[in-house]
Amino acid sequence: MKLPPKRDILTGTQDKKIKPLDDMALFHKEMGNVQPLEQETTHRESTSLEPLPIFQEAEKQYATDSVYSEEFEVKTVGNEEILSFQRSGVQDRLFSQLRQGQLRLDAELDLHGMTIAVAHQQLAEFIDECRRQNIRCVRIIHGKGWGSKDNQPVLKTKLNAWLQQEDNVLAFCSTPIEAGGGGAGAVFVLLRRQQK
């Protein structure tokens, strides 16, 4: 059985097949009589901020770039000279324990045989990592400089200056011979506690 075509109730006309308009055609049909407004061209300035590096990256950058000034007046030290530095506020008893090797060592860095540039980088990263891990006492081996040009202890001299410039270093001293590092070839370093 075939149904008769539907009639529009209001007009009484029969339905014809109407092809629906696509979205663009419909948009243009609706916007046909609209006139665009005239306006001056404006250029918006970006208000977005550059992302900041995460905290660890900022710390690492501090640790690896120009931590120690080369303009610091460096006093050349002798091959067998004993290094000793105590920042004001460090108790004499604590410094004495450091000198005698009575404080527990939690880390060691061997700079012996490195170039100045590499040693500078390694020292900065080492101290930064020790601070992150709350390490308090370390040994740094620098050698005596007998293999250097003119038998001058270049690395030992630089390390002496670098450690004095490092705010996180409270004290350092050459190790006793029995503690390893050949006495004047290594230092014990006492680091500042991490503030909570």
C-alpha atoms as a PDB file:
ATOM      1  CA  MET A   1       0.000   0.000   0.000  1.00  0.00           C
ATOM      2  CA  LYS A   2       1.375   3.354  -1.001  1.00  0.00           C
ATOM      3  CA  LEU A   3       0.880   6.374   1.264  1.00  0.00           C
ATOM      4  CA  PRO A   4      -0.093   9.685  -0.237  1.00  0.00           C
ATOM      5  CA  PRO A   5       2.500  12.486   0.037  1.00  0.00           C
ATOM      6  CA  LYS A   6       2.414  14.493   3.268  1.00  0.00           C
ATOM      7  CA  ARG A   7       0.690  17.845   3.222  1.00  0.00           C
ATOM      8  CA  ASP A   8       1.799  20.887   5.146  1.00  0.00           C
ATOM      9  CA  ILE A   9      -0.990  21.537   7.606  1.00  0.00           C
ATOM     10  CA  LEU A  10      -0.651  25.326   7.379  1.00  0.00           C
ATOM     11  CA  THR A  11      -0.328  25.781   3.627  1.00  0.00           C
ATOM     12  CA  GLY A  12      -1.904  22.608   2.387  1.00  0.00           C
ATOM     13  CA  THR A  13       0.935  22.051  -0.087  1.00  0.00           C
ATOM     14  CA  GLN A  14       2.651  18.775  -0.658  1.00  0.00           C
ATOM     15  CA  ASP A  15       6.229  18.114   0.564  1.00  0.00           C
ATOM     16  CA  LYS A  16       8.877  18.426  -2.072  1.00  0.00           C
ATOM     17  CA  LYS A  17      12.312  16.964  -1.646  1.00  0.00           C
ATOM     18  CA  ILE A  18      14.396  19.828  -0.170  1.00  0.00           C
ATOM     19  CA  LYS A  19      18.143  19.570  -0.380  1.00  0.00           C
ATOM     20  CA  PRO A  20      19.670  20.774   2.912  1.00  0.00           C
ATOM     21  CA  LEU A  21      22.268  23.575   2.651  1.00  0.00           C
ATOM     22  CA  ASP A  22      25.767  22.869   3.829  1.00  0.00           C
ATOM     23  CA  ASP A  23      27.149  24.951   6.738  1.00  0.00           C
ATOM     24  CA  MET A  24      29.067  27.455   4.583  1.00  0.00           C
ATOM     25  CA  ALA A  25      26.142  28.053   2.244  1.00  0.00           C
ATOM     26  CA  LEU A  26      23.856  28.532   5.215  1.00  0.00           C
ATOM     27  CA  PHE A  27      26.310  30.969   6.809  1.00  0.00           C
ATOM     28  CA  HIS A  28      26.621  33.029   3.605  1.00  0.00           C
ATOM     29  CA  LYS A  29      22.851  33.062   3.188  1.00  0.00           C
ATOM     30  CA  GLU A  30      22.389  34.419   6.732  1.00  0.00           C
ATOM     31  CA  MET A  31      25.212  36.949   6.461  1.00  0.00           C
ATOM     32  CA  GLY A  32      24.381  38.141   2.952  1.00  0.00           C
ATOM     33  CA  ASN A  33      23.282  41.718   3.829  1.00  0.00           C
ATOM     34  CA  VAL A  34      25.788  42.336   6.612  1.00  0.00           C
ATOM     35  CA  GLN A  35      28.372  45.059   5.974  1.00  0.00           C
ATOM     36  CA  PRO A  36      31.777  44.757   7.706  1.00  0.00           C
ATOM     37  CA  LEU A  37      32.707  47.552  10.099  1.00  0.00           C
ATOM     38  CA  GLU A  38      35.632  49.750   9.186  1.00  0.00           C
ATOM     39  CA  GLN A  39      38.284  49.983  11.876  1.00  0.00           C
ATOM     40  CA  GLU A  40      41.936  50.728  12.299  1.00  0.00           C
ATOM     41  CA  THR A  41      44.265  47.768  12.396  1.00  0.00           C
ATOM     42  CA  THR A  42      45.464  46.990  15.891  1.00  0.00           C
ATOM     43  CA  HIS A  43      48.399  44.843  16.923  1.00  0.00           C
ATOM     44  CA  ARG A  44      48.003  43.070  20.209  1.00  0.00           C
ATOM     45  CA  GLU A  45      51.084  42.657  22.316  1.00  0.00           C
ATOM     46  CA  SER A  46      51.568  39.229  23.745  1.00  0.00           C
ATOM     47  CA  THR A  47      50.810  39.072  27.437  1.00  0.00           C
ATOM     48  CA  SER A  48      52.083  35.546  27.895  1.00  0.00           C
ATOM     49  CA  LEU A  49      55.202  35.144  29.999  1.00  0.00           C
ATOM     50  CA  GLU A  50      58.186  33.017  29.136  1.00  0.00           C
ATOM     51  CA  PRO A  51      58.082  29.810  31.167  1.00  0.00           C
ATOM     52  CA  LEU A  52      60.513  29.776  34.063  1.00  0.00           C
ATOM     53  CA  PRO A  53      62.834  26.791  34.442  1.00  0.00           C
ATOM     54  CA  ILE A  54      62.028  24.420  37.233  1.00  0.00           C
ATOM     55  CA  PHE A  55      63.796  24.935  40.549  1.00  0.00           C
ATOM     56  CA  GLN A  56      66.334  22.160  40.014  1.00  0.00           C
ATOM     57  CA  GLU A  57      67.408  23.615  36.692  1.00  0.00           C
ATOM     58  CA  ALA A  58      67.909  27.007  38.297  1.00  0.00           C
ATOM     59  CA  GLU A  59      70.055  25.400  40.980  1.00  0.00           C
ATOM     60  CA  LYS A  60      72.045  23.456  38.451  1.00  0.00           C
ATOM     61  CA  GLN A  61      72.666  26.624  36.424  1.00  0.00           C
ATOM     62  CA  TYR A  62      73.977  28.279  39.581  1.00  0.00           C
ATOM     63  CA  ALA A  63      76.199  25.321  40.234  1.00  0.00           C
ATOM     64  CA  THR A  64      77.803  25.162  36.840  1.00  0.00           C
ATOM     65  CA  ASP A  65      78.246  28.748  35.666  1.00  0.00           C
ATOM     66  CA  SER A  66      80.876  31.145  36.991  1.00  0.00           C
ATOM     67  CA  VAL A  67      80.477  30.281  40.636  1.00  0.00           C
ATOM     68  CA  TYR A  68      84.069  31.197  41.384  1.00  0.00           C
ATOM     69  CA  SER A  69      85.585  34.471  40.253  1.00  0.00           C
ATOM     70  CA  GLU A  70      88.921  34.385  38.513  1.00  0.00           C
ATOM     71  CA  GLU A  71      89.484  37.929  39.798  1.00  0.00           C
ATOM     72  CA  PHE A  72      89.806  36.617  43.351  1.00  0.00           C
ATOM     73  CA  GLU A  73      93.363  37.325  44.467  1.00  0.00           C
ATOM     74  CA  VAL A  74      95.017  33.929  44.333  1.00  0.00           C
ATOM     75  CA  LYS A  75      97.980  33.280  46.604  1.00  0.00           C
ATOM     76  CA  THR A  76     100.164  30.560  45.129  1.00  0.00           C
ATOM     77  CA  VAL A  77     100.586  27.722  47.576  1.00  0.00           C
ATOM     78  CA  GLY A  78     103.477  25.287  47.811  1.00  0.00           C
ATOM     79  CA  ASN A  79     103.354  21.608  46.906  1.00  0.00           C
ATOM     80  CA  GLU A  80     103.694  20.473  50.522  1.00  0.00           C
ATOM     81  CA  GLU A  81     101.933  23.506  52.058  1.00  0.00           C
ATOM     82  CA  ILE A  82      99.054  22.725  54.402  1.00  0.00           C
ATOM     83  CA  LEU A  83      95.761  24.457  53.479  1.00  0.00           C
ATOM     84  CA  SER A  84      93.547  25.777  56.251  1.00  0.00           C
ATOM     85  CA  PHE A  85      90.461  28.004  56.188  1.00  0.00           C
ATOM     86  CA  GLN A  86      87.847  28.637  58.862  1.00  0.00           C
ATOM     87  CA  ARG A  87      84.918  30.982  58.284  1.00  0.00           C
ATOM     88  CA  SER A  88      83.976  33.183  61.227  1.00  0.00           C
ATOM     89  CA  GLY A  89      81.318  31.549  63.386  1.00  0.00           C
ATOM     90  CA  VAL A  90      82.735  28.019  63.002  1.00  0.00           C
ATOM     91  CA  GLN A  91      83.594  26.683  66.460  1.00  0.00           C
ATOM     92  CA  ASP A  92      87.254  25.883  67.090  1.00  0.00           C
ATOM     93  CA  ARG A  93      86.337  22.450  68.483  1.00  0.00           C
ATOM     94  CA  LEU A  94      84.466  21.562  65.274  1.00  0.00           C
ATOM     95  CA  PHE A  95      87.362  22.821  63.148  1.00  0.00           C
ATOM     96  CA  SER A  96      89.800  20.773  65.231  1.00  0.00           C
ATOM     97  CA  GLN A  97      87.683  17.658  64.630  1.00  0.00           C
ATOM     98  CA  LEU A  98      87.744  18.406  60.891  1.00  0.00           C
ATOM     99  CA  ARG A  99      91.562  18.771  60.893  1.00  0.00           C
ATOM    100  CA  GLN A 100      92.009  15.493  62.746  1.00  0.00           C
ATOM    101  CA  GLY A 101      89.673  13.602  60.417  1.00  0.00           C
ATOM    102  CA  GLN A 102      87.183  12.864  63.202  1.00  0.00           C
ATOM    103  CA  LEU A 103      84.095  13.885  61.240  1.00  0.00           C
ATOM    104  CA  ARG A 104      82.348  11.251  59.159  1.00  0.00           C
ATOM    105  CA  LEU A 105      83.004  11.645  55.424  1.00  0.00           C
ATOM    106  CA  ASP A 106      79.942  11.169  53.228  1.00  0.00           C
ATOM    107  CA  ALA A 107      81.413  11.898  49.793  1.00  0.00           C
ATOM    108  CA  GLU A 108      84.680  12.331  47.932  1.00  0.00           C
ATOM    109  CA  LEU A 109      85.743  14.118  44.750  1.00  0.00           C
ATOM    110  CA  ASP A 110      89.011  13.377  42.976  1.00  0.00           C
ATOM    111  CA  LEU A 111      90.161  16.341  40.871  1.00  0.00           C
ATOM    112  CA  HIS A 112      93.724  15.062  40.557  1.00  0.00           C
ATOM    113  CA  GLY A 113      94.938  15.317  36.956  1.00  0.00           C
ATOM    114  CA  MET A 114      91.984  17.381  35.657  1.00  0.00           C
ATOM    115  CA  THR A 115      92.324  20.628  33.743  1.00  0.00           C
ATOM    116  CA  ILE A 116      91.355  23.831  35.558  1.00  0.00           C
ATOM    117  CA  ALA A 117      88.140  24.226  33.514  1.00  0.00           C
ATOM    118  CA  VAL A 118      86.989  20.650  34.128  1.00  0.00           C
ATOM    119  CA  ALA A 119      87.933  20.793  37.819  1.00  0.00           C
ATOM    120  CA  HIS A 120      86.009  24.077  38.196  1.00  0.00           C
ATOM    121  CA  GLN A 121      82.881  22.482  36.717  1.00  0.00           C
ATOM    122  CA  GLN A 122      83.223  19.255  38.700  1.00  0.00           C
ATOM    123  CA  LEU A 123      83.719  21.104  41.994  1.00  0.00           C
ATOM    124  CA  ALA A 124      80.675  23.338  41.493  1.00  0.00           C
ATOM    125  CA  GLU A 125      78.445  20.384  40.599  1.00  0.00           C
ATOM    126  CA  PHE A 126      79.826  18.283  43.461  1.00  0.00           C
ATOM    127  CA  ILE A 127      79.165  20.933  46.116  1.00  0.00           C
ATOM    128  CA  ASP A 128      75.702  21.595  44.731  1.00  0.00           C
ATOM    129  CA  GLU A 129      74.832  17.879  44.802  1.00  0.00           C
ATOM    130  CA  CYS A 130      76.210  17.519  48.344  1.00  0.00           C
ATOM    131  CA  ARG A 131      74.009  20.408  49.479  1.00  0.00           C
ATOM    132  CA  ARG A 132      70.936  18.798  47.898  1.00  0.00           C
ATOM    133  CA  GLN A 133      71.646  15.543  49.713  1.00  0.00           C
ATOM    134  CA  ASN A 134      72.451  17.300  53.018  1.00  0.00           C
ATOM    135  CA  ILE A 135      76.016  15.979  53.013  1.00  0.00           C
ATOM    136  CA  ARG A 136      78.065  17.808  55.630  1.00  0.00           C
ATOM    137  CA  CYS A 137      81.682  16.635  55.360  1.00  0.00           C
ATOM    138  CA  VAL A 138      83.593  15.644  52.207  1.00  0.00           C
ATOM    139  CA  ARG A 139      87.135  15.004  51.004  1.00  0.00           C
ATOM    140  CA  ILE A 140      88.449  16.599  47.800  1.00  0.00           C
ATOM    141  CA  ILE A 141      91.664  15.239  46.315  1.00  0.00           C
ATOM    142  CA  HIS A 142      93.606  17.839  44.345  1.00  0.00           C
ATOM    143  CA  GLY A 143      97.143  16.434  44.259  1.00  0.00           C
ATOM    144  CA  LYS A 144     100.353  18.255  45.090  1.00  0.00           C
ATOM    145  CA  GLY A 145     101.152  19.525  41.628  1.00  0.00           C
ATOM    146  CA  TRP A 146     104.464  17.726  41.154  1.00  0.00           C
ATOM    147  CA  GLY A 147     103.379  16.703  37.637  1.00  0.00           C
ATOM    148  CA  SER A 148     102.364  20.250  36.642  1.00  0.00           C
ATOM    149  CA  LYS A 149     104.452  22.631  34.557  1.00  0.00           C
ATOM    150  CA  ASP A 150     107.408  23.851  36.634  1.00  0.00           C
ATOM    151  CA  ASN A 151     106.155  21.590  39.436  1.00  0.00           C
ATOM    152  CA  GLN A 152     103.727  24.337  40.507  1.00  0.00           C
ATOM    153  CA  PRO A 153     100.501  23.191  42.223  1.00  0.00           C
ATOM    154  CA  VAL A 154      98.093  25.050  39.917  1.00  0.00           C
ATOM    155  CA  LEU A 155      94.999  23.020  40.824  1.00  0.00           C
ATOM    156  CA  LYS A 156      95.759  23.128  44.538  1.00  0.00           C
ATOM    157  CA  THR A 157      96.158  26.917  44.359  1.00  0.00           C
ATOM    158  CA  LYS A 158      92.884  27.330  42.422  1.00  0.00           C
ATOM    159  CA  LEU A 159      90.976  25.020  44.782  1.00  0.00           C
ATOM    160  CA  ASN A 160      92.207  27.027  47.770  1.00  0.00           C
ATOM    161  CA  ALA A 161      90.741  30.197  46.211  1.00  0.00           C
ATOM    162  CA  TRP A 162      87.527  28.561  44.967  1.00  0.00           C
ATOM    163  CA  LEU A 163      86.642  27.034  48.326  1.00  0.00           C
ATOM    164  CA  GLN A 164      87.152  30.357  50.116  1.00  0.00           C
ATOM    165  CA  GLN A 165      84.708  32.009  47.681  1.00  0.00           C
ATOM    166  CA  GLU A 166      82.038  29.314  48.099  1.00  0.00           C
ATOM    167  CA  ASP A 167      79.465  30.513  50.667  1.00  0.00           C
ATOM    168  CA  ASN A 168      78.404  26.920  51.331  1.00  0.00           C
ATOM    169  CA  VAL A 169      81.908  26.038  52.579  1.00  0.00           C
ATOM    170  CA  LEU A 170      82.301  26.728  56.298  1.00  0.00           C
ATOM    171  CA  ALA A 171      85.845  25.405  56.625  1.00  0.00           C
ATOM    172  CA  PHE A 172      88.473  23.272  54.942  1.00  0.00           C
ATOM    173  CA  CYS A 173      91.925  21.944  55.782  1.00  0.00           C
ATOM    174  CA  SER A 174      94.534  19.621  54.360  1.00  0.00           C
ATOM    175  CA  THR A 175      94.039  16.018  55.359  1.00  0.00           C
ATOM    176  CA  PRO A 176      96.388  14.293  57.775  1.00  0.00           C
ATOM    177  CA  ILE A 177      98.737  11.855  56.008  1.00  0.00           C
ATOM    178  CA  GLU A 178      97.039   8.860  57.665  1.00  0.00           C
ATOM    179  CA  ALA A 179      93.654   9.961  56.265  1.00  0.00           C
ATOM    180  CA  GLY A 180      94.738   9.411  52.650  1.00  0.00           C
ATOM    181  CA  GLY A 181      95.357  11.889  49.848  1.00  0.00           C
ATOM    182  CA  GLY A 182      98.996  12.248  50.893  1.00  0.00           C
ATOM    183  CA  GLY A 183      98.386  14.944  53.494  1.00  0.00           C
ATOM    184  CA  ALA A 184      98.929  18.087  51.444  1.00  0.00           C
ATOM    185  CA  GLY A 185      97.293  16.485  48.375  1.00  0.00           C
ATOM    186  CA  ALA A 186      93.693  16.572  49.640  1.00  0.00           C
ATOM    187  CA  VAL A 187      91.377  18.616  51.837  1.00  0.00           C
ATOM    188  CA  PHE A 188      88.525  17.897  54.208  1.00  0.00           C
ATOM    189  CA  VAL A 189      85.640  20.302  53.594  1.00  0.00           C
ATOM    190  CA  LEU A 190      82.867  21.189  56.019  1.00  0.00           C
ATOM    191  CA  LEU A 191      79.693  22.325  54.233  1.00  0.00           C
ATOM    192  CA  ARG A 192      76.941  24.583  55.528  1.00  0.00           C
ATOM    193  CA  ARG A 193      73.769  22.815  56.629  1.00  0.00           C
ATOM    194  CA  GLN A 194      70.801  23.113  54.289  1.00  0.00           C
ATOM    195  CA  GLN A 195      68.277  25.577  55.689  1.00  0.00           C
ATOM    196  CA  LYS A 196      64.796  24.081  56.126  1.00  0.00           C
END
